[in-house]
N, C-alpha and C. Protein backbone atom coordinates (compact mmCIF):
# COMPACT_ATOMS: atom_id res chain seq x y z
N MET A 1 -11.16 137.22 -49.07
CA MET A 1 -9.78 136.40 -49.63
C MET A 1 -8.99 137.75 -49.25
N PRO A 2 -7.87 136.52 -48.90
CA PRO A 2 -6.71 137.55 -48.17
C PRO A 2 -5.71 138.03 -49.62
N MET A 3 -5.02 138.92 -48.95
CA MET A 3 -4.37 139.79 -50.01
C MET A 3 -3.50 139.22 -50.72
N PRO A 4 -2.72 138.30 -50.94
CA PRO A 4 -1.94 137.56 -51.95
C PRO A 4 -2.91 136.98 -52.66
N LEU A 5 -3.67 136.37 -52.41
CA LEU A 5 -4.91 135.88 -53.46
C LEU A 5 -5.57 137.20 -54.29
N ARG A 6 -5.88 138.02 -53.71
CA ARG A 6 -6.88 139.12 -54.95
C ARG A 6 -5.90 139.82 -55.60
N LEU A 7 -4.58 139.61 -54.95
CA LEU A 7 -3.32 140.36 -55.97
C LEU A 7 -3.03 139.43 -57.28
N ALA A 8 -2.76 138.19 -56.57
CA ALA A 8 -2.70 137.22 -57.89
C ALA A 8 -4.03 137.49 -59.26
N GLY A 9 -5.55 137.33 -58.84
CA GLY A 9 -6.23 138.22 -59.41
C GLY A 9 -6.31 138.83 -60.18
N LEU A 10 -5.88 140.04 -59.56
CA LEU A 10 -5.44 141.25 -60.05
C LEU A 10 -4.74 141.01 -61.39
N TYR A 11 -3.42 140.73 -61.18
CA TYR A 11 -2.46 140.74 -62.10
C TYR A 11 -2.95 139.62 -63.11
N ALA A 12 -3.53 138.54 -63.19
CA ALA A 12 -4.05 137.40 -63.86
C ALA A 12 -5.08 138.04 -64.60
N ALA A 13 -6.50 138.89 -64.13
CA ALA A 13 -7.06 139.68 -65.21
C ALA A 13 -6.18 140.70 -65.82
N ILE A 14 -5.68 141.41 -65.44
CA ILE A 14 -4.82 142.19 -66.29
C ILE A 14 -3.84 141.44 -67.55
N GLN A 15 -3.43 140.46 -67.09
CA GLN A 15 -2.86 139.91 -68.45
C GLN A 15 -3.96 139.24 -69.21
N ALA A 16 -4.93 139.02 -68.89
CA ALA A 16 -6.00 138.37 -69.83
C ALA A 16 -6.60 139.61 -70.68
N VAL A 17 -6.39 140.65 -69.63
CA VAL A 17 -7.06 142.03 -70.87
C VAL A 17 -6.45 142.22 -72.28
N ILE A 18 -4.67 142.07 -71.38
CA ILE A 18 -3.68 142.79 -72.22
C ILE A 18 -3.35 142.26 -73.67
N VAL A 19 -3.88 140.02 -73.23
CA VAL A 19 -4.39 139.19 -74.44
C VAL A 19 -5.53 139.28 -74.90
N ASP A 20 -6.00 139.78 -75.01
CA ASP A 20 -7.65 139.65 -75.20
C ASP A 20 -7.66 141.11 -76.67
N TYR A 21 -7.06 141.84 -75.78
CA TYR A 21 -6.84 143.54 -76.70
C TYR A 21 -5.83 143.73 -77.45
N ARG A 22 -4.57 143.61 -76.97
CA ARG A 22 -3.50 144.04 -77.75
C ARG A 22 -3.13 145.39 -77.42
N PRO A 23 -3.41 145.97 -76.32
CA PRO A 23 -2.84 147.30 -76.28
C PRO A 23 -1.37 148.15 -76.34
N GLU A 24 -1.47 148.65 -77.14
CA GLU A 24 -0.10 149.31 -77.68
C GLU A 24 0.55 149.64 -76.30
N ARG A 25 0.18 150.24 -75.55
CA ARG A 25 0.47 151.26 -74.01
C ARG A 25 -0.84 150.58 -73.19
N ALA A 26 -0.40 151.01 -71.67
CA ALA A 26 -1.55 151.58 -70.81
C ALA A 26 -0.90 152.91 -70.25
N ALA A 27 -2.00 153.04 -68.92
CA ALA A 27 -1.56 154.02 -68.70
C ALA A 27 -2.20 153.93 -66.95
N VAL A 28 -1.52 154.76 -66.14
CA VAL A 28 -1.96 154.52 -64.36
C VAL A 28 -2.07 155.75 -63.86
N GLU A 29 -2.83 156.01 -62.88
CA GLU A 29 -2.91 157.16 -62.01
C GLU A 29 -1.25 157.12 -61.21
N GLU A 30 -0.86 158.35 -61.25
CA GLU A 30 0.51 158.06 -60.24
C GLU A 30 -0.19 158.18 -58.47
N VAL A 31 0.90 157.45 -57.86
CA VAL A 31 0.48 157.40 -56.36
C VAL A 31 0.18 158.55 -55.83
N PHE A 32 -0.88 158.35 -54.85
CA PHE A 32 -1.15 159.92 -53.94
C PHE A 32 -1.18 158.82 -52.59
N VAL A 33 -0.73 160.07 -51.58
CA VAL A 33 -0.96 159.69 -50.06
C VAL A 33 -2.40 160.22 -49.52
N ASN A 34 -2.98 159.71 -48.92
CA ASN A 34 -4.34 159.98 -48.94
C ASN A 34 -4.15 159.82 -46.66
N GLN A 35 -5.23 160.35 -46.33
CA GLN A 35 -5.32 160.24 -44.78
C GLN A 35 -5.12 159.17 -44.46
N ASN A 36 -5.60 158.31 -44.92
CA ASN A 36 -5.69 156.53 -44.31
C ASN A 36 -4.40 155.79 -44.81
N ALA A 37 -3.69 155.59 -43.98
CA ALA A 37 -2.23 154.64 -44.61
C ALA A 37 -2.91 153.41 -45.26
N GLN A 38 -3.66 153.04 -44.26
CA GLN A 38 -3.73 151.03 -44.57
C GLN A 38 -4.55 151.53 -46.19
N SER A 39 -5.52 152.41 -46.73
CA SER A 39 -5.98 152.92 -48.10
C SER A 39 -4.81 152.85 -48.54
N THR A 40 -3.73 153.49 -48.57
CA THR A 40 -2.66 153.86 -49.21
C THR A 40 -1.87 152.41 -50.34
N LEU A 41 -1.84 152.11 -48.49
CA LEU A 41 -0.58 150.95 -48.79
C LEU A 41 -1.41 149.90 -49.58
N LYS A 42 -2.81 149.30 -49.63
CA LYS A 42 -3.27 148.79 -50.54
C LYS A 42 -3.71 148.67 -52.11
N LEU A 43 -4.27 150.21 -51.64
CA LEU A 43 -3.85 150.99 -53.20
C LEU A 43 -2.54 150.74 -53.95
N ALA A 44 -1.30 151.11 -53.56
CA ALA A 44 -0.14 150.30 -53.99
C ALA A 44 0.06 149.69 -54.35
N GLN A 45 -0.41 148.42 -53.72
CA GLN A 45 -0.17 146.82 -53.49
C GLN A 45 -0.86 146.45 -54.94
N ALA A 46 -1.98 146.81 -54.90
CA ALA A 46 -2.51 147.03 -56.18
C ALA A 46 -2.00 146.99 -57.62
N ARG A 47 -2.17 148.78 -57.40
CA ARG A 47 -0.86 148.95 -58.51
C ARG A 47 0.03 148.28 -58.90
N GLY A 48 0.62 148.05 -57.86
CA GLY A 48 2.04 147.04 -58.15
C GLY A 48 1.64 145.72 -59.19
N ALA A 49 0.52 145.42 -58.99
CA ALA A 49 0.19 144.33 -59.34
C ALA A 49 -0.70 144.68 -60.77
N VAL A 50 -0.83 145.52 -60.84
CA VAL A 50 -0.99 146.03 -62.49
C VAL A 50 -0.06 146.50 -63.28
N LEU A 51 0.90 147.31 -62.73
CA LEU A 51 2.22 147.44 -63.02
C LEU A 51 3.12 146.22 -63.57
N ALA A 52 2.88 145.04 -62.71
CA ALA A 52 3.85 143.99 -63.01
C ALA A 52 3.16 143.27 -64.43
N ALA A 53 2.10 143.19 -64.12
CA ALA A 53 1.48 142.60 -65.70
C ALA A 53 1.59 142.96 -66.42
N CYS A 54 1.56 144.62 -66.76
CA CYS A 54 1.88 145.61 -67.81
C CYS A 54 3.40 145.16 -68.02
N GLY A 55 4.87 145.49 -66.81
CA GLY A 55 5.91 145.00 -67.28
C GLY A 55 6.38 143.45 -68.25
N ALA A 56 5.62 142.78 -67.37
CA ALA A 56 5.38 141.74 -67.92
C ALA A 56 5.01 140.78 -69.55
N ALA A 57 4.10 141.94 -69.76
CA ALA A 57 3.83 141.91 -71.39
C ALA A 57 4.46 142.69 -72.04
N GLY A 58 5.70 143.50 -71.26
CA GLY A 58 5.99 144.22 -72.40
C GLY A 58 5.94 145.73 -72.51
N LEU A 59 4.34 145.38 -71.98
CA LEU A 59 3.87 146.81 -72.70
C LEU A 59 4.04 148.11 -71.52
N PRO A 60 4.41 149.61 -72.42
CA PRO A 60 4.72 150.66 -71.79
C PRO A 60 3.76 151.12 -70.99
N VAL A 61 3.84 151.87 -69.88
CA VAL A 61 3.15 152.15 -69.19
C VAL A 61 3.48 154.07 -69.39
N ALA A 62 2.35 154.50 -69.04
CA ALA A 62 2.59 155.84 -68.93
C ALA A 62 1.94 156.35 -66.88
N GLU A 63 2.26 156.79 -66.58
CA GLU A 63 1.66 157.51 -65.12
C GLU A 63 1.77 159.11 -65.26
N HIS A 64 0.14 159.43 -64.34
CA HIS A 64 0.02 160.65 -64.85
C HIS A 64 -0.68 160.98 -63.31
N ALA A 65 -0.42 162.34 -62.82
CA ALA A 65 -0.57 162.61 -61.92
C ALA A 65 -2.11 162.97 -61.41
N ALA A 66 -3.12 162.60 -60.48
CA ALA A 66 -4.41 162.65 -60.78
C ALA A 66 -4.76 164.29 -60.77
N ARG A 67 -4.24 165.24 -60.53
CA ARG A 67 -4.55 166.48 -60.82
C ARG A 67 -4.46 166.80 -62.58
N LEU A 68 -3.47 166.60 -63.09
CA LEU A 68 -3.73 166.62 -64.37
C LEU A 68 -4.33 165.79 -65.11
N VAL A 69 -5.43 164.64 -64.47
CA VAL A 69 -6.27 163.94 -65.13
C VAL A 69 -7.48 164.41 -65.02
N LYS A 70 -7.22 165.29 -63.99
CA LYS A 70 -8.70 166.04 -63.93
C LYS A 70 -8.74 167.33 -64.64
N LYS A 71 -7.65 167.72 -64.83
CA LYS A 71 -7.13 169.15 -65.93
C LYS A 71 -8.00 168.66 -66.89
N SER A 72 -6.98 167.21 -67.49
CA SER A 72 -7.03 166.81 -68.50
C SER A 72 -8.51 166.76 -69.33
N VAL A 73 -9.19 166.23 -67.98
CA VAL A 73 -10.49 165.65 -68.60
C VAL A 73 -11.88 167.50 -68.26
N VAL A 74 -11.85 167.28 -67.16
CA VAL A 74 -12.62 168.64 -66.69
C VAL A 74 -12.08 169.93 -66.87
N GLY A 75 -10.75 170.10 -67.33
CA GLY A 75 -10.17 171.56 -67.60
C GLY A 75 -9.75 172.38 -66.15
N THR A 76 -10.06 171.51 -65.10
CA THR A 76 -9.47 172.29 -63.80
C THR A 76 -9.30 170.98 -63.07
N GLY A 77 -7.63 171.10 -61.90
CA GLY A 77 -6.79 169.89 -61.65
C GLY A 77 -8.26 169.77 -59.83
N GLY A 78 -8.60 170.32 -59.53
CA GLY A 78 -9.39 170.51 -58.75
C GLY A 78 -11.30 169.82 -58.88
N ALA A 79 -11.08 169.17 -59.45
CA ALA A 79 -12.40 168.81 -59.71
C ALA A 79 -12.88 167.62 -58.85
N ASP A 80 -13.93 167.70 -59.03
CA ASP A 80 -14.80 166.29 -57.55
C ASP A 80 -15.09 165.26 -59.03
N LYS A 81 -15.15 164.30 -58.23
CA LYS A 81 -15.38 162.85 -59.31
C LYS A 81 -16.97 162.93 -59.58
N ARG A 82 -17.89 163.73 -58.94
CA ARG A 82 -19.34 164.01 -59.62
C ARG A 82 -18.91 164.87 -61.42
N GLN A 83 -17.86 165.54 -61.22
CA GLN A 83 -17.34 166.73 -62.11
C GLN A 83 -16.82 165.63 -63.16
N VAL A 84 -16.18 165.19 -62.79
CA VAL A 84 -15.11 164.21 -63.96
C VAL A 84 -16.77 163.17 -64.20
N GLN A 85 -17.46 162.74 -63.55
CA GLN A 85 -17.83 161.51 -64.47
C GLN A 85 -19.55 162.44 -65.06
N ALA A 86 -19.50 163.72 -65.15
CA ALA A 86 -20.45 164.21 -65.66
C ALA A 86 -19.70 164.88 -67.28
N MET A 87 -18.23 165.18 -66.90
CA MET A 87 -17.55 165.19 -68.41
C MET A 87 -17.56 164.32 -69.17
N LEU A 88 -17.09 162.74 -68.73
CA LEU A 88 -17.14 161.57 -69.21
C LEU A 88 -18.35 161.41 -70.01
N ARG A 89 -19.60 161.88 -69.59
CA ARG A 89 -20.82 161.34 -70.45
C ARG A 89 -21.02 162.76 -71.24
N VAL A 90 -20.24 163.63 -71.36
CA VAL A 90 -20.14 164.45 -72.41
C VAL A 90 -19.07 164.69 -73.56
N LEU A 91 -17.86 163.64 -73.16
CA LEU A 91 -17.11 163.13 -73.84
C LEU A 91 -17.43 161.63 -74.54
N LEU A 92 -18.21 161.13 -74.15
CA LEU A 92 -18.54 159.92 -74.21
C LEU A 92 -20.20 159.40 -74.05
N PRO A 93 -20.56 160.15 -75.00
CA PRO A 93 -22.20 159.86 -75.02
C PRO A 93 -22.80 158.51 -75.09
N GLY A 94 -23.69 158.51 -74.08
CA GLY A 94 -23.96 156.96 -74.55
C GLY A 94 -23.87 155.49 -73.42
N ILE A 95 -22.12 156.37 -72.68
CA ILE A 95 -21.95 155.18 -71.98
C ILE A 95 -22.59 155.18 -70.84
N THR A 96 -22.08 154.47 -69.88
CA THR A 96 -23.00 153.83 -68.86
C THR A 96 -21.75 153.79 -67.63
N VAL A 97 -21.26 154.53 -67.23
CA VAL A 97 -20.25 154.57 -65.93
C VAL A 97 -20.59 153.53 -64.70
N THR A 98 -20.30 152.49 -64.65
CA THR A 98 -20.82 151.56 -62.96
C THR A 98 -20.08 151.93 -62.27
N GLY A 99 -19.45 153.18 -61.65
CA GLY A 99 -18.89 153.13 -60.16
C GLY A 99 -17.65 154.53 -60.64
N ALA A 100 -17.27 154.46 -59.44
CA ALA A 100 -16.44 155.33 -59.44
C ALA A 100 -15.01 155.41 -59.96
N ASP A 101 -14.44 153.97 -59.62
CA ASP A 101 -13.65 153.25 -60.16
C ASP A 101 -13.27 153.32 -61.43
N ALA A 102 -14.57 152.94 -62.73
CA ALA A 102 -14.39 153.03 -63.88
C ALA A 102 -14.28 154.34 -64.36
N ALA A 103 -14.84 155.29 -63.91
CA ALA A 103 -14.56 156.80 -64.32
C ALA A 103 -13.60 156.95 -63.76
N ASP A 104 -12.89 156.84 -62.73
CA ASP A 104 -11.26 157.18 -62.68
C ASP A 104 -10.15 156.58 -63.74
N ALA A 105 -10.77 155.23 -64.52
CA ALA A 105 -10.07 154.88 -65.42
C ALA A 105 -10.49 155.38 -66.65
N LEU A 106 -11.68 155.41 -67.10
CA LEU A 106 -11.74 156.20 -68.19
C LEU A 106 -11.26 157.54 -68.36
N ALA A 107 -11.30 157.99 -67.20
CA ALA A 107 -10.52 159.52 -66.97
C ALA A 107 -9.39 159.92 -67.36
N VAL A 108 -8.50 158.44 -67.04
CA VAL A 108 -6.79 158.08 -67.18
C VAL A 108 -6.37 158.32 -68.63
N ALA A 109 -7.80 157.06 -68.94
CA ALA A 109 -7.16 156.95 -70.50
C ALA A 109 -7.27 157.52 -71.59
N ILE A 110 -8.58 158.62 -71.01
CA ILE A 110 -8.30 159.89 -71.71
C ILE A 110 -7.61 161.01 -71.82
N ALA A 111 -7.11 161.04 -70.46
CA ALA A 111 -5.89 162.07 -70.25
C ALA A 111 -4.59 161.53 -70.96
N ASP A 112 -4.88 160.69 -70.94
CA ASP A 112 -3.63 159.79 -71.64
C ASP A 112 -3.38 159.72 -73.04
N ALA A 113 -4.46 160.23 -73.67
CA ALA A 113 -4.74 159.76 -75.13
C ALA A 113 -4.31 162.01 -75.71
N HIS A 114 -4.61 162.15 -74.68
CA HIS A 114 -4.67 163.87 -74.49
C HIS A 114 -3.00 164.02 -74.34
N LEU A 115 -2.28 163.18 -73.56
CA LEU A 115 -0.97 164.11 -73.17
C LEU A 115 0.35 163.33 -73.85
N SER A 116 0.32 162.08 -74.56
CA SER A 116 1.07 161.58 -74.86
C SER A 116 1.43 161.40 -76.05
N PRO A 117 2.50 161.72 -76.64
CA PRO A 117 2.81 162.11 -78.07
C PRO A 117 2.27 161.16 -79.10
N ARG A 118 2.01 161.41 -80.39
CA ARG A 118 0.76 160.86 -81.10
C ARG A 118 2.03 160.31 -81.86
N THR A 119 1.73 158.84 -82.09
CA THR A 119 2.51 158.07 -83.02
C THR A 119 1.73 157.74 -84.29
N THR A 120 2.53 157.47 -85.36
CA THR A 120 1.47 156.96 -86.62
C THR A 120 2.04 155.85 -86.73
N THR A 121 1.28 155.16 -87.87
CA THR A 121 1.88 153.37 -88.18
C THR A 121 1.97 153.80 -89.37
N PRO A 122 3.37 152.76 -90.00
CA PRO A 122 3.51 153.17 -91.23
C PRO A 122 2.30 152.33 -92.36
């Protein structure tokens, strides 16, 4: 599928999740540059679609560095993906992580819960 259609699909999917689940906030991993410039560019485009969907819904978005996410979940910012997935199984017993992207998303959510200021509902 051409990139514009893929990005539009991602935007629509995020909008649908926001409508269905009515989250109070969102969290994303900060952009990082890897060795492959094309991969970095595609990741940034997808991230832009997610941020735009959150922005259009008026949803506040917290951004967390990858090392900080790993440190929050595993205890060290240098943890590899296997260590993050293993810790997710400890923190969320009974879950089935369906891949590296799902594990990363769960790790960002857990880190955001730890790092974001607490709010109370009246």
